């Protein structure tokens, strides 16, 4: 095992802006569609949302013949299993990831970390310092923007610029964007972001209810799942593929 496994976190200190959703969507798309070997460390204590979703997904597949057949076809065609989801505490997250790598048949290309939405939680800052890349979702809401800029600036000034971390890059991501409002307000915010020495990806993610669509007994196309990638019929207008491509280019994968 000679290649490097990248540690990546979608992280911010403001809840409800999409860090867990991005972790799931990117993990599933990159693993099931792009062919990368992915692992997830869910250390968002106490809710452990991704581990809980994996459990719900498994239960839905096991009791529903439609999803059971869908899973069989997918994993037979891919010749690979679902990506591994491990639970842990923020202060132990790196150790959990190292154990995941040591126990893997195929070394992961990327391990995504889902962390608590506050820097005050024990071990969060230390674990963030062990990431290779951090992506912070942000929306054009003043409270969210101020919180995210404070978070990103703190990491940049105290960890990245002074060389006290493994972080190779910190990038913001526009999320929950109403296409009708992608106007001069965003230009103003991006100027502020640039003046603070921060970076933001070009791809923006629209505000859409599809991002909450999980496995249900109704056999509707699924968007967010730990066992399946977002359904093709729901991808148009989501910018998910463009975001994945930009992230892969950014991390040089």
Protein backbone atom coordinates (compact mmCIF):
# COMPACT_ATOMS: atom_id res chain seq x y z
CA UNK A 1 0.00 0.00 0.00
CA UNK A 2 2.09 2.88 -1.35
CA UNK A 3 -0.49 5.47 -2.36
CA UNK A 4 -1.60 8.22 -0.01
CA UNK A 5 -5.09 8.20 1.39
CA UNK A 6 -6.44 11.75 1.45
CA UNK A 7 -8.30 12.94 4.54
CA UNK A 8 -11.09 15.36 3.64
CA UNK A 9 -13.77 17.08 5.71
CA UNK A 10 -16.82 19.11 4.74
CA UNK A 11 -16.76 21.23 7.84
CA UNK A 12 -18.14 24.43 9.29
CA UNK A 13 -19.25 25.66 12.68
CA UNK A 14 -22.76 26.57 11.47
CA UNK A 15 -25.37 23.81 11.45
CA UNK A 16 -27.84 23.24 8.66
CA UNK A 17 -25.69 24.34 5.73
CA UNK A 18 -25.02 20.91 4.26
CA UNK A 19 -21.79 19.42 5.61
CA UNK A 20 -23.30 15.99 6.26
CA UNK A 21 -25.28 16.00 3.01
CA UNK A 22 -22.15 16.87 1.02
CA UNK A 23 -20.22 14.09 2.76
CA UNK A 24 -22.84 11.50 1.80
CA UNK A 25 -23.40 12.76 -1.74
CA UNK A 26 -19.70 12.98 -2.57
CA UNK A 27 -18.87 9.65 -0.93
CA UNK A 28 -21.59 7.82 -2.85
CA UNK A 29 -20.91 9.50 -6.18
CA UNK A 30 -17.15 9.03 -6.04
CA UNK A 31 -17.36 5.42 -4.80
CA UNK A 32 -20.24 4.06 -6.87
CA UNK A 33 -19.88 6.15 -10.05
CA UNK A 34 -16.30 7.41 -10.33
CA UNK A 35 -14.69 4.22 -9.04
CA UNK A 36 -12.66 5.70 -6.20
CA UNK A 37 -12.28 3.72 -3.01
CA UNK A 38 -13.97 5.73 -0.27
CA UNK A 39 -14.24 5.46 3.50
CA UNK A 40 -16.23 7.58 5.93
CA UNK A 41 -15.48 8.36 9.57
CA UNK A 42 -18.62 9.66 11.27
CA UNK A 43 -17.48 11.50 14.37
CA UNK A 44 -20.41 13.92 14.53
CA UNK A 45 -21.20 12.93 18.11
CA UNK A 46 -23.79 12.33 19.46
CA UNK A 47 -26.13 12.05 16.44
CA UNK A 48 -23.77 10.14 14.10
CA UNK A 49 -26.10 11.00 11.20
CA UNK A 50 -24.21 9.10 8.49
CA UNK A 51 -23.89 5.90 10.51
CA UNK A 52 -27.59 6.16 11.30
CA UNK A 53 -28.39 6.63 7.61
CA UNK A 54 -26.33 3.56 6.69
CA UNK A 55 -28.36 1.55 9.18
CA UNK A 56 -31.65 2.90 7.74
CA UNK A 57 -30.47 2.22 4.20
CA UNK A 58 -29.55 -1.37 5.05
CA UNK A 59 -32.89 -1.97 6.76
CA UNK A 60 -34.79 -0.53 3.79
CA UNK A 61 -32.85 -2.71 1.33
CA UNK A 62 -33.30 -5.88 3.37
CA UNK A 63 -37.08 -5.51 3.70
CA UNK A 64 -37.80 -4.14 0.22
CA UNK A 65 -37.42 -6.42 -2.81
CA UNK A 66 -37.16 -3.48 -5.21
CA UNK A 67 -34.15 -1.99 -3.43
CA UNK A 68 -32.72 -5.44 -2.77
CA UNK A 69 -32.66 -6.17 -6.51
CA UNK A 70 -31.29 -2.71 -7.24
CA UNK A 71 -28.48 -3.26 -4.74
CA UNK A 72 -27.70 -6.71 -6.14
CA UNK A 73 -27.44 -5.35 -9.70
CA UNK A 74 -25.30 -2.43 -8.61
CA UNK A 75 -22.80 -4.32 -6.51
CA UNK A 76 -22.57 -7.18 -9.00
CA UNK A 77 -21.79 -4.75 -11.80
CA UNK A 78 -19.32 -2.77 -9.68
CA UNK A 79 -17.64 -5.87 -8.22
CA UNK A 80 -17.15 -3.96 -5.00
CA UNK A 81 -18.88 -3.53 -1.67
CA UNK A 82 -20.46 -0.45 -0.14
CA UNK A 83 -17.97 1.98 1.29
CA UNK A 84 -17.18 1.55 4.94
CA UNK A 85 -18.72 3.86 7.54
CA UNK A 86 -17.04 3.93 10.94
CA UNK A 87 -18.24 5.76 14.05
CA UNK A 88 -15.91 7.57 16.38
CA UNK A 89 -15.38 10.56 18.62
CA UNK A 90 -13.82 13.76 17.20
CA UNK A 91 -10.65 13.35 19.26
CA UNK A 92 -10.20 9.75 18.02
CA UNK A 93 -11.16 10.33 14.38
CA UNK A 94 -7.65 10.09 12.91
CA UNK A 95 -6.99 6.83 14.77
CA UNK A 96 -10.31 5.44 13.52
CA UNK A 97 -9.31 6.37 9.97
CA UNK A 98 -5.88 4.76 10.32
CA UNK A 99 -7.51 1.56 11.58
CA UNK A 100 -9.90 1.65 8.62
CA UNK A 101 -6.94 1.91 6.25
CA UNK A 102 -5.03 -0.90 8.00
CA UNK A 103 -8.05 -3.22 7.80
CA UNK A 104 -9.01 -2.41 4.21
CA UNK A 105 -8.56 -4.96 1.43
CA UNK A 106 -8.11 -2.06 -0.98
CA UNK A 107 -6.55 1.09 0.40
CA UNK A 108 -9.01 4.00 0.30
CA UNK A 109 -8.30 6.88 -2.05
CA UNK A 110 -10.23 9.24 0.22
CA UNK A 111 -11.60 9.12 3.73
CA UNK A 112 -14.27 11.71 4.44
CA UNK A 113 -14.79 12.94 7.99
CA UNK A 114 -18.11 14.21 9.33
CA UNK A 115 -17.36 16.39 12.35
CA UNK A 116 -19.51 18.27 14.88
CA UNK A 117 -20.62 21.73 13.80
CA UNK A 118 -18.69 23.53 16.53
CA UNK A 119 -15.03 24.10 17.21
CA UNK A 120 -15.78 23.88 20.93
CA UNK A 121 -16.30 20.11 20.75
CA UNK A 122 -13.35 18.21 22.14
CA UNK A 123 -10.80 17.20 19.53
CA UNK A 124 -12.38 18.99 16.56
CA UNK A 125 -9.58 21.51 15.95
CA UNK A 126 -6.92 18.81 16.32
CA UNK A 127 -8.71 16.54 13.87
CA UNK A 128 -9.22 19.38 11.38
CA UNK A 129 -5.49 19.97 11.56
CA UNK A 130 -5.00 16.40 10.34
CA UNK A 131 -7.04 16.91 7.17
CA UNK A 132 -5.50 17.24 3.74
CA UNK A 133 -8.40 19.35 2.48
CA UNK A 134 -11.34 21.11 4.10
CA UNK A 135 -14.43 22.26 2.21
CA UNK A 136 -16.82 24.60 4.02
CA UNK A 137 -20.39 24.99 2.72
CA UNK A 138 -21.66 28.56 2.98
CA UNK A 139 -24.86 30.34 2.00
CA UNK A 140 -25.59 34.00 1.25
CA UNK A 141 -27.10 34.50 4.67
CA UNK A 142 -25.40 37.07 6.88
CA UNK A 143 -25.33 34.89 10.00
CA UNK A 144 -24.08 31.85 8.09
CA UNK A 145 -21.54 33.93 6.19
CA UNK A 146 -20.11 35.60 9.30
CA UNK A 147 -19.89 32.28 11.13
CA UNK A 148 -18.23 30.49 8.22
CA UNK A 149 -15.75 33.28 7.54
CA UNK A 150 -14.81 33.33 11.22
CA UNK A 151 -14.33 29.54 11.11
CA UNK A 152 -12.26 29.59 7.92
CA UNK A 153 -10.17 32.58 9.00
CA UNK A 154 -9.36 30.93 12.33
CA UNK A 155 -8.16 27.77 10.59
CA UNK A 156 -6.19 29.77 8.03
CA UNK A 157 -4.47 32.01 10.56
CA UNK A 158 -3.86 29.50 13.34
CA UNK A 159 -3.20 26.26 11.45
CA UNK A 160 -2.61 26.63 7.72
CA UNK A 161 -0.54 29.82 7.25
CA UNK A 162 1.73 29.01 10.20
CA UNK A 163 2.34 25.42 9.11
CA UNK A 164 0.79 23.79 12.16
CA UNK A 165 -1.35 21.34 10.19
CA UNK A 166 -1.41 18.91 7.28
CA UNK A 167 -3.99 21.04 5.45
CA UNK A 168 -3.11 21.55 1.78
CA UNK A 169 -6.19 23.59 0.98
CA UNK A 170 -9.29 25.20 2.49
CA UNK A 171 -12.15 26.04 0.15
CA UNK A 172 -15.65 27.44 0.61
CA UNK A 173 -18.61 26.11 -1.40
CA UNK A 174 -21.69 28.13 -2.26
CA UNK A 175 -24.69 26.09 -1.12
CA UNK A 176 -28.47 26.66 -1.10
CA UNK A 177 -28.22 29.12 -3.97
CA UNK A 178 -31.44 30.39 -5.52
CA UNK A 179 -30.55 30.76 -9.19
CA UNK A 180 -32.75 33.82 -9.44
CA UNK A 181 -30.63 35.53 -6.79
CA UNK A 182 -27.13 34.69 -8.08
CA UNK A 183 -26.37 38.36 -8.51
CA UNK A 184 -24.16 41.19 -7.29
CA UNK A 185 -24.66 40.13 -3.65
CA UNK A 186 -22.52 37.08 -4.32
CA UNK A 187 -19.88 39.23 -6.01
CA UNK A 188 -19.71 41.39 -2.88
CA UNK A 189 -19.33 38.33 -0.65
CA UNK A 190 -16.68 36.83 -2.94
CA UNK A 191 -14.68 40.05 -2.79
CA UNK A 192 -14.76 39.86 1.02
CA UNK A 193 -13.73 36.20 0.87
CA UNK A 194 -10.82 37.09 -1.41
CA UNK A 195 -9.70 39.99 0.79
CA UNK A 196 -9.51 37.56 3.72
CA UNK A 197 -7.16 35.34 1.71
CA UNK A 198 -9.73 32.56 1.39
CA UNK A 199 -10.76 30.52 -1.65
CA UNK A 200 -14.20 29.56 -2.92
CA UNK A 201 -15.03 26.97 -5.58
CA UNK A 202 -16.61 28.12 -8.82
CA UNK A 203 -19.40 25.54 -8.71
CA UNK A 204 -22.45 26.55 -6.69
CA UNK A 205 -25.10 24.18 -5.39
CA UNK A 206 -28.75 25.20 -5.78
CA UNK A 207 -31.38 25.17 -3.07
CA UNK A 208 -33.50 22.11 -3.81
CA UNK A 209 -35.70 19.66 -1.94
CA UNK A 210 -34.11 16.80 -3.89
CA UNK A 211 -31.11 16.92 -1.53
CA UNK A 212 -33.34 15.51 1.22
CA UNK A 213 -34.73 12.60 -0.80
CA UNK A 214 -33.69 9.34 0.85
CA UNK A 215 -34.69 5.69 0.44
CA UNK A 216 -38.40 5.16 1.03
CA UNK A 217 -40.82 2.31 0.60
CA UNK A 218 -42.36 4.18 -2.35
CA UNK A 219 -39.54 3.26 -4.77
CA UNK A 220 -39.01 6.88 -5.75
CA UNK A 221 -35.63 7.84 -7.23
CA UNK A 222 -33.19 8.46 -4.41
CA UNK A 223 -30.77 11.36 -4.18
CA UNK A 224 -29.08 10.98 -0.81
CA UNK A 225 -28.05 7.48 0.23
CA UNK A 226 -25.00 5.66 1.58
CA UNK A 227 -25.72 2.62 -0.62
CA UNK A 228 -26.64 4.24 -3.95
CA UNK A 229 -25.45 7.27 -5.90
CA UNK A 230 -27.87 10.07 -6.68
CA UNK A 231 -30.32 8.85 -9.34
CA UNK A 232 -29.65 10.11 -12.87
CA UNK A 233 -33.16 11.55 -13.15
CA UNK A 234 -32.41 13.89 -10.23
CA UNK A 235 -28.93 15.01 -11.25
CA UNK A 236 -29.95 17.65 -13.81
CA UNK A 237 -29.70 21.09 -12.26
CA UNK A 238 -28.13 19.80 -9.03
CA UNK A 239 -24.55 20.69 -10.08
CA UNK A 240 -23.42 17.58 -8.19
CA UNK A 241 -21.31 16.25 -11.07
CA UNK A 242 -19.70 19.64 -11.69
CA UNK A 243 -18.93 19.97 -7.98
CA UNK A 244 -17.41 16.50 -7.83
CA UNK A 245 -15.26 17.24 -10.88
CA UNK A 246 -14.05 20.53 -9.41
CA UNK A 247 -13.26 18.88 -6.08
CA UNK A 248 -11.33 16.08 -7.81
CA UNK A 249 -9.37 18.63 -9.81
CA UNK A 250 -8.66 20.61 -6.64
CA UNK A 251 -7.37 17.58 -4.75
CA UNK A 252 -5.60 16.29 -7.87
CA UNK A 253 -7.43 12.97 -8.13
